Amino acid sequence: MSPHPRPALTLGASFVIGAVLGAGASFLPARQSDTAATAAPAQAPVRSAAVDLQSAGASADAPQAALPNASELSGFDKLPLEKQIEALKRIAAGRVKNEGYSPGIELWIARMARELSANQAAALLEAWPLGKEDDEFMRATVAARLAAQDPMRALELGKKLDDQRTMACAIAALAHTNGADALRVMAEIEESKRGKVWENLAREGDFKTGGSFQEMAAVLKEKPALLKEMRGGWAMSRILGMALTQSALNDPAAALASARELGAEIERLAPADNGEGGRDGRRGSGNRGGPRPVSMLSQMIQSTLSEMRATDPDAASRFFDALGEKEISPWMHSDEAITRFQRQGIDAAVSFAEKQNDEESMRSAALGTWWVLAQRDRSAAVGWIDSLPEGAFRQGVLTAVMIDAWNQSRTWGSTQAAVEAGATLGSETTKMDYFASLLSDRAFGMGRGSSRAELIQSLPINDTQKTILQQRLAPIKAKETP
């Protein structure tokens, strides 16, 4: 390939790359917890949250009394339960009216929860009605506070209220101390409820895992029903993967052997090729016949690699190189290309991509490579595309342009953002290739409700180019025999 710039930038992209490659990655927002509040200045005035409340006003259905003032908010834990509920209802009403909490309100909610005792948190959860989207963040924050103080109490309250999010907070708190204990407790939850608890646990994006991988593996062998619950695959793989990290840093060969042993047991009880190969229980659907199924072993190793890269990226790359083909999920190549770019420059990332044996893996590595380059010098990254020969690498780069547009605009799946990104590309040939790539894969939900012809007509290209693009994308018709 032609010479290329050599920037370096720290970036993790597997959360978007999984979906781009049809791996079925789930885009669940991480729960905003006390972490954000802890990082904020200790002297930050609570009055800013009160101002947010006053400006929010109240909805037509909200109580007509005045919204809480700064002094009431700062002494929330001193209020009687009925006054606390009244204040929270008004805050929730303001969220509905303004279609979301402001940063000031979210900060206050996190701080408010940290001041609650276990008894106060439990009382609020019991008194606060379930099933309202507008109070989900608030309720989850209070549940996390209770779980941090008394996880078993949170678990039992979640069972009593049939509140899977509170149960998930309890499991996350238990996992922080000992993942094996968390798995044992999960196995005791009613089977019909566990799927939803796993789904909610996957949303607890900041939880950590304590204890040994071997102990957790032993629990899973004792409780094989857990291995069959692929709906919990992502959350379970995170618990296991984080626990495997320390072993992988100390003795990577032994860690990989342990992971493979458990992986074989998982595959025996819950084969990956069962229609639930993706992280969120869905098959991917790429434009090249669909991706390889993603096993729980691959997901677990992905979590391990993510943790290892934060500690020792060189060790993570060595661990990656020791993996077998079936242990590597498609999006892993993107993160690995990014890591090699950071450590050794773009040539190392390109070389890594070119060594891949299949197009899907090469596309993934190319995607990660271009992504890093574009963050440092987008004009150089755009110009580089013109020099790339046709093939899987170039195709992965074109896909990266689309993903980068969505990331920059914060509009995942937006047709407008993707099309506007194409208009910024360099040569007319690259633009046409990009738009052809865009229209060849409708797996991203772009242009929903529109035909391909309608989308072509909306592109920022001239009529001649639109005709060429229509012909290029038209299905090949077999010649009629005389």
Protein backbone atom coordinates (compact mmCIF):
# COMPACT_ATOMS: atom_id res chain seq x y z
CA MET A 1 0.00 0.00 0.00
CA SER A 2 1.12 3.59 -0.52
CA PRO A 3 2.83 5.59 2.25
CA HIS A 4 0.53 6.90 4.94
CA PRO A 5 0.63 9.31 7.91
CA ARG A 6 1.60 8.02 11.34
CA PRO A 7 -0.57 9.58 14.05
CA ALA A 8 -1.44 7.86 17.31
CA LEU A 9 -4.55 8.21 19.44
CA THR A 10 -6.15 6.24 22.22
CA LEU A 11 -9.59 5.00 21.17
CA GLY A 12 -11.80 2.03 21.92
CA ALA A 13 -14.32 1.26 19.19
CA SER A 14 -15.62 -2.29 19.66
CA PHE A 15 -19.06 -1.07 20.82
CA VAL A 16 -19.80 0.38 17.39
CA ILE A 17 -17.70 -1.96 15.31
CA GLY A 18 -19.65 -5.00 16.46
CA ALA A 19 -22.84 -3.68 14.92
CA VAL A 20 -21.13 -2.44 11.77
CA LEU A 21 -19.79 -5.89 11.06
CA GLY A 22 -23.15 -7.46 11.76
CA ALA A 23 -22.03 -9.01 15.02
CA GLY A 24 -25.23 -7.94 16.71
CA ALA A 25 -23.57 -5.74 19.29
CA SER A 26 -26.07 -4.14 21.65
CA PHE A 27 -26.03 -0.38 22.11
CA LEU A 28 -27.15 -0.22 25.72
CA PRO A 29 -26.22 3.03 27.45
CA ALA A 30 -24.05 2.56 30.48
CA ARG A 31 -25.85 3.34 33.70
CA GLN A 32 -24.86 6.75 34.99
CA SER A 33 -23.98 6.17 38.60
CA ASP A 34 -22.18 7.72 41.52
CA THR A 35 -18.99 7.57 39.47
CA ALA A 36 -19.86 10.82 37.74
CA ALA A 37 -20.60 12.51 41.01
CA THR A 38 -17.38 11.27 42.60
CA ALA A 39 -15.37 12.80 39.79
CA ALA A 40 -17.06 16.18 40.20
CA PRO A 41 -15.58 18.92 42.44
CA ALA A 42 -16.56 18.38 46.04
CA GLN A 43 -17.65 22.01 46.41
CA ALA A 44 -19.97 22.04 43.37
CA PRO A 45 -23.07 24.00 44.44
CA VAL A 46 -26.34 22.12 44.67
CA ARG A 47 -28.07 25.38 43.75
CA SER A 48 -27.43 24.70 40.05
CA ALA A 49 -29.71 21.69 40.25
CA ALA A 50 -32.38 23.79 41.89
CA VAL A 51 -32.15 26.31 39.09
CA ASP A 52 -32.60 23.47 36.62
CA LEU A 53 -35.71 22.41 38.49
CA GLN A 54 -37.21 25.86 38.59
CA SER A 55 -36.64 26.41 34.88
CA ALA A 56 -38.10 23.02 34.07
CA GLY A 57 -41.46 23.96 35.50
CA ALA A 58 -44.12 21.32 36.06
CA SER A 59 -46.18 19.32 33.61
CA ALA A 60 -49.94 19.57 33.51
CA ASP A 61 -50.24 16.40 35.57
CA ALA A 62 -47.60 17.39 38.12
CA PRO A 63 -48.43 18.70 41.62
CA GLN A 64 -48.94 22.48 41.57
CA ALA A 65 -46.86 23.17 44.67
CA ALA A 66 -43.53 24.96 44.19
CA LEU A 67 -40.58 22.88 43.08
CA PRO A 68 -37.97 22.06 45.75
CA ASN A 69 -35.53 24.86 46.49
CA ALA A 70 -31.79 24.54 47.07
CA SER A 71 -32.03 24.10 50.83
CA GLU A 72 -34.62 21.34 50.47
CA LEU A 73 -32.51 19.56 47.90
CA SER A 74 -29.33 19.77 49.95
CA GLY A 75 -31.14 18.25 52.94
CA PHE A 76 -33.05 15.59 51.02
CA ASP A 77 -31.99 12.77 53.34
CA LYS A 78 -33.47 14.70 56.28
CA LEU A 79 -36.93 14.98 54.70
CA PRO A 80 -39.71 12.56 55.68
CA LEU A 81 -40.50 9.88 53.10
CA GLU A 82 -43.65 11.54 51.79
CA LYS A 83 -41.77 14.80 51.15
CA GLN A 84 -38.98 12.88 49.39
CA ILE A 85 -41.49 11.18 47.10
CA GLU A 86 -43.19 14.49 46.38
CA ALA A 87 -39.88 16.08 45.39
CA LEU A 88 -38.89 13.15 43.19
CA LYS A 89 -42.23 13.20 41.38
CA ARG A 90 -41.73 16.86 40.54
CA ILE A 91 -38.23 16.19 39.28
CA ALA A 92 -39.55 13.35 37.13
CA ALA A 93 -42.31 15.60 35.80
CA GLY A 94 -39.68 18.13 34.77
CA ARG A 95 -37.80 15.41 32.95
CA VAL A 96 -40.91 14.45 30.96
CA LYS A 97 -41.55 18.05 29.99
CA ASN A 98 -37.95 18.65 28.90
CA GLU A 99 -37.42 15.17 27.40
CA GLY A 100 -34.55 14.33 29.69
CA TYR A 101 -32.69 15.31 32.83
CA SER A 102 -30.19 18.13 32.63
CA PRO A 103 -26.60 17.40 33.77
CA GLY A 104 -27.27 19.40 36.93
CA ILE A 105 -30.23 17.23 37.86
CA GLU A 106 -28.36 14.00 37.15
CA LEU A 107 -25.51 15.21 39.36
CA TRP A 108 -27.94 16.01 42.13
CA ILE A 109 -29.65 12.61 41.87
CA ALA A 110 -26.28 10.85 42.17
CA ARG A 111 -25.33 12.93 45.20
CA MET A 112 -28.75 12.55 46.74
CA ALA A 113 -28.51 8.77 46.53
CA ARG A 114 -25.09 8.70 48.18
CA GLU A 115 -26.54 10.38 51.26
CA LEU A 116 -29.32 7.84 51.72
CA SER A 117 -29.14 5.13 54.33
CA ALA A 118 -30.07 1.58 53.34
CA ASN A 119 -33.43 2.00 55.11
CA GLN A 120 -34.17 5.23 53.24
CA ALA A 121 -33.19 3.77 49.87
CA ALA A 122 -35.36 0.70 50.45
CA ALA A 123 -38.31 2.84 51.54
CA LEU A 124 -38.03 5.01 48.44
CA LEU A 125 -37.94 1.99 46.15
CA GLU A 126 -41.04 0.54 47.77
CA ALA A 127 -42.94 3.83 47.62
CA TRP A 128 -41.83 4.83 44.09
CA PRO A 129 -44.05 3.23 41.41
CA LEU A 130 -42.55 0.83 38.88
CA GLY A 131 -43.00 0.90 35.13
CA LYS A 132 -42.32 4.56 34.36
CA GLU A 133 -39.58 5.30 31.87
CA ASP A 134 -39.28 8.84 33.14
CA ASP A 135 -37.97 7.76 36.55
CA GLU A 136 -35.72 4.89 35.44
CA PHE A 137 -32.41 6.70 35.98
CA MET A 138 -33.51 7.95 39.37
CA ARG A 139 -34.80 4.56 40.47
CA ALA A 140 -31.71 2.71 39.25
CA THR A 141 -29.44 5.15 41.12
CA VAL A 142 -31.32 4.60 44.37
CA ALA A 143 -31.29 0.82 43.82
CA ALA A 144 -27.53 0.91 43.26
CA ARG A 145 -27.12 2.80 46.53
CA LEU A 146 -29.07 0.17 48.45
CA ALA A 147 -27.15 -2.64 46.76
CA ALA A 148 -23.80 -1.04 47.62
CA GLN A 149 -24.77 -1.02 51.31
CA ASP A 150 -26.65 -4.31 51.52
CA PRO A 151 -26.78 -6.36 48.30
CA MET A 152 -28.84 -9.19 49.75
CA ARG A 153 -31.45 -6.76 51.02
CA ALA A 154 -31.59 -5.20 47.56
CA LEU A 155 -31.98 -8.64 46.04
CA GLU A 156 -34.86 -9.60 48.31
CA LEU A 157 -36.57 -6.25 47.78
CA GLY A 158 -36.21 -6.65 44.04
CA LYS A 159 -37.85 -10.06 44.26
CA LYS A 160 -40.65 -8.68 46.41
CA LEU A 161 -41.34 -5.81 44.01
CA ASP A 162 -40.70 -7.90 40.90
CA ASP A 163 -38.09 -5.27 40.03
CA GLN A 164 -35.42 -6.82 37.81
CA ARG A 165 -33.30 -3.66 37.75
CA THR A 166 -32.94 -3.66 41.54
CA MET A 167 -32.05 -7.36 41.43
CA ALA A 168 -29.44 -6.61 38.77
CA CYS A 169 -27.93 -3.88 40.96
CA ALA A 170 -27.66 -6.44 43.75
CA ILE A 171 -25.92 -8.96 41.47
CA ALA A 172 -23.50 -6.27 40.28
CA ALA A 173 -22.64 -5.36 43.88
CA LEU A 174 -22.07 -9.01 44.77
CA ALA A 175 -19.89 -9.51 41.68
CA HIS A 176 -17.71 -6.58 42.73
CA THR A 177 -16.70 -8.57 45.82
CA ASN A 178 -16.88 -12.10 44.44
CA GLY A 179 -18.15 -13.11 41.02
CA ALA A 180 -18.74 -16.69 42.10
CA ASP A 181 -21.13 -15.53 44.83
CA ALA A 182 -22.97 -13.40 42.29
CA LEU A 183 -23.42 -16.39 39.98
CA ARG A 184 -24.65 -18.57 42.85
CA VAL A 185 -27.24 -15.97 43.79
CA MET A 186 -28.28 -15.53 40.16
CA ALA A 187 -28.90 -19.27 39.92
CA GLU A 188 -31.33 -19.00 42.86
CA ILE A 189 -33.50 -16.38 41.15
CA GLU A 190 -36.67 -17.78 39.65
CA GLU A 191 -35.87 -19.11 36.19
CA SER A 192 -38.63 -17.11 34.50
CA LYS A 193 -37.17 -13.88 35.94
CA ARG A 194 -33.48 -14.46 35.25
CA GLY A 195 -33.54 -13.41 31.60
CA LYS A 196 -34.70 -9.90 32.48
CA VAL A 197 -32.20 -9.69 35.34
CA TRP A 198 -29.38 -10.58 32.91
CA GLU A 199 -30.62 -7.91 30.50
CA ASN A 200 -30.62 -5.29 33.24
CA LEU A 201 -27.22 -6.43 34.51
CA ALA A 202 -25.83 -5.79 31.03
CA ARG A 203 -26.87 -2.16 31.51
CA GLU A 204 -24.76 -1.82 34.65
CA GLY A 205 -21.82 -0.82 32.48
CA ASP A 206 -19.42 0.17 35.28
CA PHE A 207 -19.50 -2.91 37.49
CA LYS A 208 -16.32 -4.81 38.32
CA THR A 209 -15.64 -8.42 39.22
CA GLY A 210 -13.75 -9.85 42.19
CA GLY A 211 -12.66 -13.41 42.92
CA SER A 212 -11.03 -16.03 40.74
CA PHE A 213 -12.06 -17.20 37.31
CA GLN A 214 -11.59 -20.83 38.32
CA GLU A 215 -14.09 -20.47 41.17
CA MET A 216 -16.64 -18.91 38.84
CA ALA A 217 -16.13 -21.63 36.25
CA ALA A 218 -16.72 -24.21 38.96
CA VAL A 219 -20.02 -22.55 39.91
CA LEU A 220 -21.17 -22.58 36.29
CA LYS A 221 -20.40 -26.27 36.00
CA GLU A 222 -22.47 -26.84 39.12
CA LYS A 223 -25.29 -24.64 37.76
CA PRO A 224 -25.44 -25.58 34.06
CA ALA A 225 -28.82 -23.86 33.65
CA LEU A 226 -26.97 -20.53 33.71
CA LEU A 227 -24.91 -21.54 30.69
CA LYS A 228 -28.03 -22.13 28.65
CA GLU A 229 -29.30 -18.61 29.23
CA MET A 230 -27.77 -16.90 26.25
CA ARG A 231 -29.84 -13.81 26.94
CA GLY A 232 -27.38 -13.23 29.77
CA GLY A 233 -24.39 -13.94 27.56
CA TRP A 234 -22.96 -10.42 27.49
CA ALA A 235 -23.26 -9.75 31.22
CA MET A 236 -22.02 -13.21 32.14
CA SER A 237 -19.10 -12.95 29.75
CA ARG A 238 -18.16 -9.61 31.32
CA ILE A 239 -18.15 -11.11 34.81
CA LEU A 240 -15.98 -14.01 33.63
CA GLY A 241 -13.76 -11.96 31.34
CA MET A 242 -12.84 -9.43 33.98
CA ALA A 243 -11.96 -12.23 36.39
CA LEU A 244 -9.82 -13.92 33.74
CA THR A 245 -7.77 -10.75 33.21
CA GLN A 246 -5.40 -11.12 36.15
CA SER A 247 -4.72 -14.74 35.28
CA ALA A 248 -4.08 -13.75 31.67
CA LEU A 249 -1.55 -11.12 32.77
CA ASN A 250 0.27 -13.52 35.09
CA ASP A 251 0.10 -16.76 33.09
CA PRO A 252 -1.57 -16.27 29.69
CA ALA A 253 -1.19 -19.92 28.63
CA ALA A 254 -2.90 -21.19 31.79
CA ALA A 255 -5.61 -18.54 31.52
CA LEU A 256 -6.35 -19.47 27.92
CA ALA A 257 -6.47 -23.15 28.82
CA SER A 258 -9.01 -22.42 31.57
CA ALA A 259 -11.10 -20.29 29.24
CA ARG A 260 -11.09 -22.97 26.56
CA GLU A 261 -12.12 -25.64 29.05
CA LEU A 262 -15.11 -23.57 30.14
CA GLY A 263 -15.81 -22.61 26.53
CA ALA A 264 -16.08 -26.27 25.57
CA GLU A 265 -18.61 -26.82 28.35
CA ILE A 266 -20.57 -23.76 27.25
CA GLU A 267 -20.63 -24.93 23.63
CA ARG A 268 -21.82 -28.36 24.72
CA LEU A 269 -24.78 -26.91 26.60
CA ALA A 270 -25.43 -23.78 24.52
CA PRO A 271 -23.89 -23.92 21.03
CA ALA A 272 -23.12 -20.54 19.48
CA ASP A 273 -24.76 -21.44 16.18
CA ASN A 274 -28.25 -21.51 17.60
CA GLY A 275 -29.63 -18.26 16.27
CA GLU A 276 -28.47 -16.24 19.25
CA GLY A 277 -24.92 -15.53 18.27
CA GLY A 278 -24.78 -11.81 18.92
CA ARG A 279 -24.15 -9.92 22.11
CA ASP A 280 -27.80 -9.07 22.51
CA GLY A 281 -29.16 -12.42 21.42
CA ARG A 282 -29.50 -11.60 17.72
CA ARG A 283 -27.72 -12.85 14.65
CA GLY A 284 -25.87 -10.26 12.67
CA SER A 285 -26.90 -9.61 9.10
CA GLY A 286 -24.08 -8.22 7.02
CA ASN A 287 -24.05 -7.86 3.28
CA ARG A 288 -21.66 -10.73 2.81
CA GLY A 289 -23.78 -13.63 3.92
CA GLY A 290 -23.76 -12.75 7.61
CA PRO A 291 -20.97 -12.90 10.17
CA ARG A 292 -19.57 -15.86 11.99
CA PRO A 293 -21.61 -16.74 15.08
CA VAL A 294 -20.18 -15.15 18.22
CA SER A 295 -19.74 -17.58 21.08
CA MET A 296 -19.83 -16.72 24.74
CA LEU A 297 -16.15 -17.72 24.85
CA SER A 298 -15.39 -15.00 22.29
CA GLN A 299 -17.38 -12.46 24.27
CA MET A 300 -15.56 -13.47 27.45
CA ILE A 301 -12.16 -13.12 25.78
CA GLN A 302 -13.21 -9.74 24.39
CA SER A 303 -13.86 -8.53 27.94
CA THR A 304 -10.50 -9.90 29.03
CA LEU A 305 -8.68 -8.17 26.18
CA SER A 306 -10.38 -4.86 26.96
CA GLU A 307 -9.22 -5.02 30.57
CA MET A 308 -5.73 -6.15 29.58
CA ARG A 309 -5.31 -3.28 27.11
CA ALA A 310 -6.02 -0.79 29.87
CA THR A 311 -3.20 -2.32 31.95
CA ASP A 312 -0.67 -3.81 29.53
CA PRO A 313 -1.45 -3.44 25.80
CA ASP A 314 1.64 -5.44 24.80
CA ALA A 315 0.43 -8.39 26.89
CA ALA A 316 -3.02 -7.99 25.36
CA SER A 317 -1.58 -8.28 21.84
CA ARG A 318 0.40 -11.38 22.78
CA PHE A 319 -2.76 -12.89 24.23
CA PHE A 320 -4.65 -12.01 21.05
CA ASP A 321 -1.98 -13.71 18.92
CA ALA A 322 -2.39 -16.91 20.92
CA LEU A 323 -6.12 -17.16 20.20
CA GLY A 324 -7.60 -19.63 17.77
CA GLU A 325 -9.80 -18.55 14.89
CA LYS A 326 -13.01 -19.64 16.61
CA GLU A 327 -12.09 -17.66 19.71
CA ILE A 328 -11.84 -14.34 17.89
CA SER A 329 -15.04 -12.44 17.21
CA PRO A 330 -15.15 -10.12 14.19
CA TRP A 331 -14.96 -6.83 16.07
CA MET A 332 -11.82 -7.91 18.01
CA HIS A 333 -9.73 -7.12 14.94
CA SER A 334 -10.74 -3.48 15.08
CA ASP A 335 -9.61 -3.04 18.66
CA GLU A 336 -6.41 -4.95 17.99
CA ALA A 337 -5.62 -2.80 14.96
CA ILE A 338 -6.18 0.27 17.13
CA THR A 339 -3.84 -1.09 19.79
CA ARG A 340 -1.09 -1.84 17.28
CA PHE A 341 -1.53 1.58 15.72
CA GLN A 342 -1.08 3.21 19.12
CA ARG A 343 2.04 1.21 19.99
CA GLN A 344 3.81 0.89 16.65
CA GLY A 345 2.18 3.25 14.15
CA ILE A 346 -0.10 2.89 11.19
CA ASP A 347 2.18 0.52 9.25
CA ALA A 348 1.80 -2.07 12.01
CA ALA A 349 -2.00 -1.74 11.92
CA VAL A 350 -2.12 -2.05 8.12
CA SER A 351 0.22 -5.05 8.20
CA PHE A 352 -1.99 -6.68 10.81
CA ALA A 353 -5.06 -6.13 8.62
CA GLU A 354 -3.39 -7.52 5.50
CA LYS A 355 -2.43 -10.72 7.31
CA GLN A 356 -6.05 -11.65 8.02
CA ASN A 357 -7.29 -14.75 6.25
CA ASP A 358 -10.86 -13.64 5.60
CA GLU A 359 -12.50 -10.48 4.32
CA GLU A 360 -14.64 -9.92 7.40
CA SER A 361 -11.59 -9.78 9.69
CA MET A 362 -9.69 -7.55 7.26
CA ARG A 363 -12.63 -5.15 7.04
CA SER A 364 -12.75 -4.99 10.81
CA ALA A 365 -9.04 -4.24 11.14
CA ALA A 366 -9.22 -1.63 8.37
CA LEU A 367 -12.14 0.03 10.14
CA GLY A 368 -10.15 0.42 13.36
CA THR A 369 -7.08 1.62 11.50
CA TRP A 370 -8.88 4.39 9.62
CA TRP A 371 -10.84 5.39 12.69
CA VAL A 372 -7.68 6.20 14.63
CA LEU A 373 -6.16 8.03 11.68
CA ALA A 374 -9.28 10.15 11.21
CA GLN A 375 -9.34 11.26 14.85
CA ARG A 376 -5.88 12.75 14.51
CA ASP A 377 -5.93 14.12 10.96
CA ARG A 378 -9.19 13.67 9.13
CA SER A 379 -8.05 15.39 5.93
CA ALA A 380 -5.07 13.04 5.66
CA ALA A 381 -7.34 10.06 6.42
CA VAL A 382 -9.81 11.11 3.71
CA GLY A 383 -7.03 11.61 1.19
CA TRP A 384 -5.55 8.22 2.03
CA ILE A 385 -8.74 6.47 0.90
CA ASP A 386 -8.10 7.56 -2.70
CA SER A 387 -4.82 5.62 -2.70
CA LEU A 388 -6.29 2.35 -1.47
CA PRO A 389 -6.86 -0.45 -3.99
CA GLU A 390 -10.24 -2.16 -4.29
CA GLY A 391 -10.85 -4.96 -1.84
CA ALA A 392 -11.84 -5.76 1.72
CA PHE A 393 -9.46 -3.27 3.30
CA ARG A 394 -10.86 -0.36 1.32
CA GLN A 395 -14.39 -1.58 2.04
CA GLY A 396 -13.69 -1.56 5.76
CA VAL A 397 -12.33 1.97 5.53
CA LEU A 398 -15.46 3.16 3.69
CA THR A 399 -17.58 1.62 6.44
CA ALA A 400 -15.44 3.45 9.01
CA VAL A 401 -16.32 6.77 7.34
CA MET A 402 -20.00 6.06 7.95
CA ILE A 403 -19.45 4.98 11.56
CA ASP A 404 -17.29 7.99 12.27
CA ALA A 405 -20.06 10.25 10.96
CA TRP A 406 -22.55 8.68 13.32
CA ASN A 407 -20.15 8.94 16.22
CA GLN A 408 -19.37 12.59 15.54
CA SER A 409 -23.02 13.56 15.10
CA ARG A 410 -24.26 11.31 17.94
CA THR A 411 -26.99 10.07 15.60
CA TRP A 412 -26.53 6.33 15.28
CA GLY A 413 -28.01 4.97 12.06
CA SER A 414 -28.78 8.42 10.66
CA THR A 415 -29.08 8.41 6.87
CA GLN A 416 -28.49 12.15 6.74
CA ALA A 417 -25.25 11.97 8.75
CA ALA A 418 -23.95 9.08 6.62
CA VAL A 419 -24.77 10.85 3.35
CA GLU A 420 -23.23 14.13 4.50
CA ALA A 421 -20.02 12.28 5.35
CA GLY A 422 -19.85 10.94 1.80
CA ALA A 423 -20.07 14.47 0.41
CA THR A 424 -16.81 15.34 2.23
CA LEU A 425 -14.76 12.61 0.57
CA GLY A 426 -12.03 13.47 -1.89
CA SER A 427 -12.33 12.02 -5.38
CA GLU A 428 -15.54 11.33 -7.27
CA THR A 429 -14.51 7.67 -7.50
CA THR A 430 -14.26 7.41 -3.71
CA LYS A 431 -17.61 9.14 -3.27
CA MET A 432 -19.29 6.72 -5.66
CA ASP A 433 -17.67 3.74 -3.96
CA TYR A 434 -18.80 5.05 -0.59
CA PHE A 435 -22.39 5.58 -1.65
CA ALA A 436 -22.46 2.16 -3.31
CA SER A 437 -21.23 0.64 -0.04
CA LEU A 438 -23.80 2.64 1.90
CA LEU A 439 -26.67 1.40 -0.26
CA SER A 440 -25.49 -2.19 -0.50
CA ASP A 441 -25.95 -2.86 3.18
CA ARG A 442 -29.30 -1.81 4.65
CA ALA A 443 -28.66 -3.66 7.90
CA PHE A 444 -28.15 -0.41 9.78
CA GLY A 445 -31.73 0.83 9.47
CA MET A 446 -30.81 3.79 7.27
CA GLY A 447 -33.50 5.17 5.03
CA ARG A 448 -36.14 3.07 6.70
CA GLY A 449 -39.31 3.29 4.67
CA SER A 450 -37.46 4.49 1.58
CA SER A 451 -36.57 2.48 -1.49
CA ARG A 452 -33.03 2.30 -2.81
CA ALA A 453 -34.08 4.40 -5.81
CA GLU A 454 -35.44 7.12 -3.50
CA LEU A 455 -32.22 7.14 -1.52
CA ILE A 456 -30.13 7.42 -4.67
CA GLN A 457 -32.17 10.42 -5.78
CA SER A 458 -31.45 12.14 -2.46
CA LEU A 459 -27.65 11.79 -2.73
CA PRO A 460 -25.48 14.88 -3.35
CA ILE A 461 -24.29 13.71 -6.78
CA ASN A 462 -25.30 14.72 -10.30
CA ASP A 463 -27.94 12.94 -12.39
CA THR A 464 -25.38 11.07 -14.49
CA GLN A 465 -23.72 9.70 -11.36
CA LYS A 466 -27.12 8.70 -9.96
CA THR A 467 -27.82 6.71 -13.12
CA ILE A 468 -24.42 5.03 -12.94
CA LEU A 469 -25.02 4.19 -9.28
CA GLN A 470 -28.42 2.67 -10.05
CA GLN A 471 -26.88 0.51 -12.77
CA ARG A 472 -24.02 -0.47 -10.49
CA LEU A 473 -26.37 -1.65 -7.77
CA ALA A 474 -28.94 -3.28 -10.04
CA PRO A 475 -29.21 -7.05 -9.66
CA ILE A 476 -27.47 -9.00 -12.37
CA LYS A 477 -30.02 -10.58 -14.73
CA ALA A 478 -29.24 -13.87 -16.33
CA LYS A 479 -29.18 -13.82 -20.13
CA GLU A 480 -32.17 -15.39 -21.74
CA THR A 481 -31.35 -18.45 -23.79
CA PRO A 482 -32.67 -18.34 -27.38
